[in-house]
């Protein structure tokens, strides 16, 4: 059976549809943008001559149909993560399909391999989060001290997200609680700075008030 037939039969159309839906789900699950998922799926459908293909992608699901709606599928994507290596592999696969140099059998095998690309090791993700926060703090005009504080916050946030992923917690809860953890970390570091650095809070008891200021204050407080 030739997967590049101009008018594929019903069985082949359903097989192409399943492949395209699996590719779109892989992209959406691993951090691809919604319009990129739609665009990639449409390119694959056009390359395999799946006619009248329509797709609607949300952040948590994919709706697609082909022909006169005799083939339709829905894929639920309850959780999303970020794995750009998988996204890049599927994008490269779609380009090769568009060039016409790949059969459906080979494309299905390549998609399985793309879905099996492992995540980086935990320590790599922790170091990456720490270095990324450090560099962004410097890029946005922070001092070395603030960059070190950002690195600590990035390290803690990366570790917390890894912990949430291991326990399969909802994505919305993980993001909100991670943002709260970063804010609490920044507040705690600022408090430590206030305690450790006596110059951070002026010692007003030891600061002599200028004579001109005392005279001006007495004039303001003098009853009229």
Protein backbone atom coordinates (compact mmCIF):
# COMPACT_ATOMS: atom_id res chain seq x y z
CA UNK A 1 0.00 0.00 0.00
CA UNK A 2 1.43 3.33 -1.09
CA UNK A 3 0.98 6.01 1.59
CA UNK A 4 1.57 8.71 -1.03
CA UNK A 5 -1.49 7.84 -3.10
CA UNK A 6 -3.35 10.89 -4.36
CA UNK A 7 -6.66 9.28 -3.37
CA UNK A 8 -5.94 6.98 -0.39
CA UNK A 9 -8.58 4.48 0.61
CA UNK A 10 -10.50 4.62 3.88
CA UNK A 11 -8.15 2.37 5.81
CA UNK A 12 -5.11 4.38 4.77
CA UNK A 13 -6.87 7.66 5.55
CA UNK A 14 -7.62 6.51 9.08
CA UNK A 15 -4.02 5.40 9.52
CA UNK A 16 -2.76 8.78 8.30
CA UNK A 17 -5.22 10.50 10.61
CA UNK A 18 -3.98 8.53 13.61
CA UNK A 19 -0.39 9.40 12.77
CA UNK A 20 -1.11 13.11 12.40
CA UNK A 21 -3.05 13.19 15.68
CA UNK A 22 -0.20 11.41 17.47
CA UNK A 23 2.30 13.90 16.05
CA UNK A 24 0.15 16.85 17.14
CA UNK A 25 -0.30 15.39 20.61
CA UNK A 26 3.47 14.91 20.92
CA UNK A 27 4.06 18.56 20.02
CA UNK A 28 1.38 19.87 22.38
CA UNK A 29 2.48 17.71 25.30
CA UNK A 30 6.06 18.91 25.05
CA UNK A 31 5.61 22.66 24.92
CA UNK A 32 4.94 23.56 21.28
CA UNK A 33 2.79 26.61 20.57
CA UNK A 34 -0.82 26.01 19.59
CA UNK A 35 -0.61 27.59 16.13
CA UNK A 36 2.59 25.63 15.41
CA UNK A 37 0.80 22.39 16.24
CA UNK A 38 -2.02 23.28 13.84
CA UNK A 39 0.40 24.29 11.11
CA UNK A 40 2.48 21.11 11.41
CA UNK A 41 -0.58 18.87 11.35
CA UNK A 42 -1.94 20.63 8.26
CA UNK A 43 1.41 20.25 6.46
CA UNK A 44 1.48 16.52 7.23
CA UNK A 45 -2.12 16.06 6.07
CA UNK A 46 -1.46 17.91 2.82
CA UNK A 47 1.73 15.91 2.20
CA UNK A 48 -0.07 12.59 2.64
CA UNK A 49 -3.04 13.79 0.51
CA UNK A 50 -5.53 13.69 3.36
CA UNK A 51 -8.16 15.91 1.83
CA UNK A 52 -10.44 18.40 3.59
CA UNK A 53 -8.44 18.17 6.78
CA UNK A 54 -9.54 20.57 9.52
CA UNK A 55 -7.96 20.87 12.96
CA UNK A 56 -8.64 22.98 16.03
CA UNK A 57 -6.05 22.94 18.80
CA UNK A 58 -6.48 24.12 22.39
CA UNK A 59 -3.93 24.10 25.17
CA UNK A 60 -5.39 20.85 26.50
CA UNK A 61 -6.89 19.12 23.48
CA UNK A 62 -6.97 18.55 19.71
CA UNK A 63 -10.07 18.29 17.49
CA UNK A 64 -9.62 17.18 13.89
CA UNK A 65 -11.67 15.83 10.98
CA UNK A 66 -10.99 14.81 7.40
CA UNK A 67 -13.12 14.29 4.31
CA UNK A 68 -16.77 15.11 4.76
CA UNK A 69 -16.35 14.53 8.50
CA UNK A 70 -16.45 10.74 8.09
CA UNK A 71 -13.12 10.65 9.95
CA UNK A 72 -12.88 12.67 13.16
CA UNK A 73 -10.77 12.36 16.27
CA UNK A 74 -10.34 14.10 19.61
CA UNK A 75 -7.21 13.90 21.72
CA UNK A 76 -7.13 15.03 25.33
CA UNK A 77 -3.86 16.52 26.57
CA UNK A 78 -4.37 16.95 30.33
CA UNK A 79 -0.78 17.78 31.21
CA UNK A 80 1.99 19.63 29.41
CA UNK A 81 5.71 19.83 29.97
CA UNK A 82 8.68 21.32 28.13
CA UNK A 83 10.89 19.02 26.07
CA UNK A 84 12.20 20.95 23.10
CA UNK A 85 14.23 17.99 21.79
CA UNK A 86 11.00 16.12 21.08
CA UNK A 87 9.46 19.21 19.50
CA UNK A 88 12.51 19.65 17.26
CA UNK A 89 12.42 15.98 16.26
CA UNK A 90 8.76 16.17 15.21
CA UNK A 91 9.39 19.43 13.33
CA UNK A 92 12.27 17.82 11.45
CA UNK A 93 10.02 14.86 10.69
CA UNK A 94 7.33 17.13 9.24
CA UNK A 95 9.88 18.84 6.98
CA UNK A 96 11.04 15.51 5.59
CA UNK A 97 7.44 14.46 5.03
CA UNK A 98 6.74 17.71 3.18
CA UNK A 99 9.75 17.07 0.94
CA UNK A 100 8.12 13.79 -0.15
CA UNK A 101 11.08 11.64 0.82
CA UNK A 102 9.42 9.61 3.58
CA UNK A 103 6.75 6.92 3.61
CA UNK A 104 4.07 6.57 6.27
CA UNK A 105 5.75 3.47 7.73
CA UNK A 106 9.03 5.29 8.19
CA UNK A 107 7.27 8.36 9.56
CA UNK A 108 5.47 6.27 12.18
CA UNK A 109 8.77 4.70 13.26
CA UNK A 110 10.44 8.10 13.51
CA UNK A 111 7.56 9.46 15.57
CA UNK A 112 7.90 6.60 18.05
CA UNK A 113 11.59 7.41 18.42
CA UNK A 114 10.83 11.10 18.91
CA UNK A 115 8.33 10.33 21.66
CA UNK A 116 10.95 8.21 23.46
CA UNK A 117 13.66 10.89 23.67
CA UNK A 118 14.47 10.98 27.39
CA UNK A 119 14.41 14.04 29.59
CA UNK A 120 17.73 15.46 30.80
CA UNK A 121 18.93 14.18 34.15
CA UNK A 122 17.64 15.91 37.25
CA UNK A 123 20.96 17.54 38.11
CA UNK A 124 21.19 18.97 34.58
CA UNK A 125 17.75 20.57 34.96
CA UNK A 126 18.68 21.98 38.37
CA UNK A 127 21.92 23.50 37.12
CA UNK A 128 20.17 24.84 34.00
CA UNK A 129 17.50 26.54 36.07
CA UNK A 130 20.10 28.08 38.35
CA UNK A 131 22.32 29.33 35.50
CA UNK A 132 19.34 30.65 33.54
CA UNK A 133 18.07 32.69 36.48
CA UNK A 134 21.58 34.01 37.16
CA UNK A 135 22.08 35.14 33.55
CA UNK A 136 18.64 36.73 33.22
CA UNK A 137 19.23 38.75 36.39
CA UNK A 138 22.44 40.15 34.89
CA UNK A 139 20.81 40.78 31.50
CA UNK A 140 18.07 42.87 33.08
CA UNK A 141 20.56 45.09 34.88
CA UNK A 142 20.93 43.33 38.22
CA UNK A 143 24.07 43.35 40.32
CA UNK A 144 26.17 40.29 41.08
CA UNK A 145 24.51 40.01 44.48
CA UNK A 146 21.01 40.04 42.97
CA UNK A 147 22.11 37.54 40.32
CA UNK A 148 23.30 35.14 43.03
CA UNK A 149 19.94 35.53 44.78
CA UNK A 150 18.16 34.82 41.50
CA UNK A 151 20.33 31.73 40.99
CA UNK A 152 19.24 30.38 44.38
CA UNK A 153 15.59 31.06 43.55
CA UNK A 154 15.99 29.36 40.18
CA UNK A 155 17.60 26.33 41.79
CA UNK A 156 14.77 25.98 44.32
CA UNK A 157 12.09 26.52 41.65
CA UNK A 158 13.62 23.86 39.37
CA UNK A 159 13.80 21.38 42.23
CA UNK A 160 10.22 22.11 43.23
CA UNK A 161 8.96 21.57 39.66
CA UNK A 162 10.81 18.27 39.46
CA UNK A 163 9.16 17.21 42.71
CA UNK A 164 5.73 18.20 41.39
CA UNK A 165 6.35 16.24 38.20
CA UNK A 166 7.27 13.11 40.16
CA UNK A 167 3.99 13.34 42.09
CA UNK A 168 1.99 14.19 38.92
CA UNK A 169 0.42 17.33 40.38
CA UNK A 170 -1.80 19.57 38.21
CA UNK A 171 0.09 22.00 36.00
CA UNK A 172 -1.80 25.09 37.16
CA UNK A 173 -1.12 24.36 40.80
CA UNK A 174 2.57 23.73 40.09
CA UNK A 175 3.02 27.06 38.28
CA UNK A 176 1.19 29.15 40.87
CA UNK A 177 2.89 27.51 43.84
CA UNK A 178 6.29 27.73 42.12
CA UNK A 179 5.79 31.47 41.58
CA UNK A 180 4.86 31.83 45.26
CA UNK A 181 7.97 29.90 46.27
CA UNK A 182 10.17 32.19 44.16
CA UNK A 183 8.56 35.29 45.70
CA UNK A 184 9.01 33.92 49.23
CA UNK A 185 12.64 33.12 48.47
CA UNK A 186 13.28 36.66 47.26
CA UNK A 187 11.57 38.12 50.36
CA UNK A 188 13.58 35.88 52.67
CA UNK A 189 16.86 36.86 51.01
CA UNK A 190 15.95 40.53 51.27
CA UNK A 191 15.25 40.07 54.98
CA UNK A 192 18.61 38.39 55.45
CA UNK A 193 20.28 41.31 53.70
CA UNK A 194 18.51 43.77 56.01
CA UNK A 195 19.71 41.87 59.05
CA UNK A 196 23.26 41.24 57.86
CA UNK A 197 24.01 44.62 56.34
CA UNK A 198 23.83 47.47 58.89
CA UNK A 199 24.05 49.99 56.07
CA UNK A 200 20.82 48.74 54.55
CA UNK A 201 18.72 50.38 57.29
CA UNK A 202 20.17 53.75 58.48
CA UNK A 203 20.76 54.01 62.21
CA UNK A 204 18.74 57.13 62.92
CA UNK A 205 19.63 57.25 66.60
CA UNK A 206 23.30 57.81 65.77
CA UNK A 207 22.68 60.20 62.92
CA UNK A 208 23.00 63.80 64.01
CA UNK A 209 20.26 66.08 62.77
CA UNK A 210 21.60 69.23 61.08
CA UNK A 211 21.06 72.50 62.95
CA UNK A 212 19.15 74.05 60.04
CA UNK A 213 16.71 71.12 60.04
CA UNK A 214 16.07 71.48 63.78
CA UNK A 215 15.41 75.19 63.36
CA UNK A 216 13.01 74.58 60.46
CA UNK A 217 11.15 71.90 62.41
CA UNK A 218 10.71 74.22 65.43
CA UNK A 219 9.23 76.93 63.21
CA UNK A 220 6.71 74.48 61.78
CA UNK A 221 5.68 73.24 65.22
CA UNK A 222 5.47 76.75 66.80
CA UNK A 223 1.84 77.61 67.63
CA UNK A 224 0.45 80.55 65.68
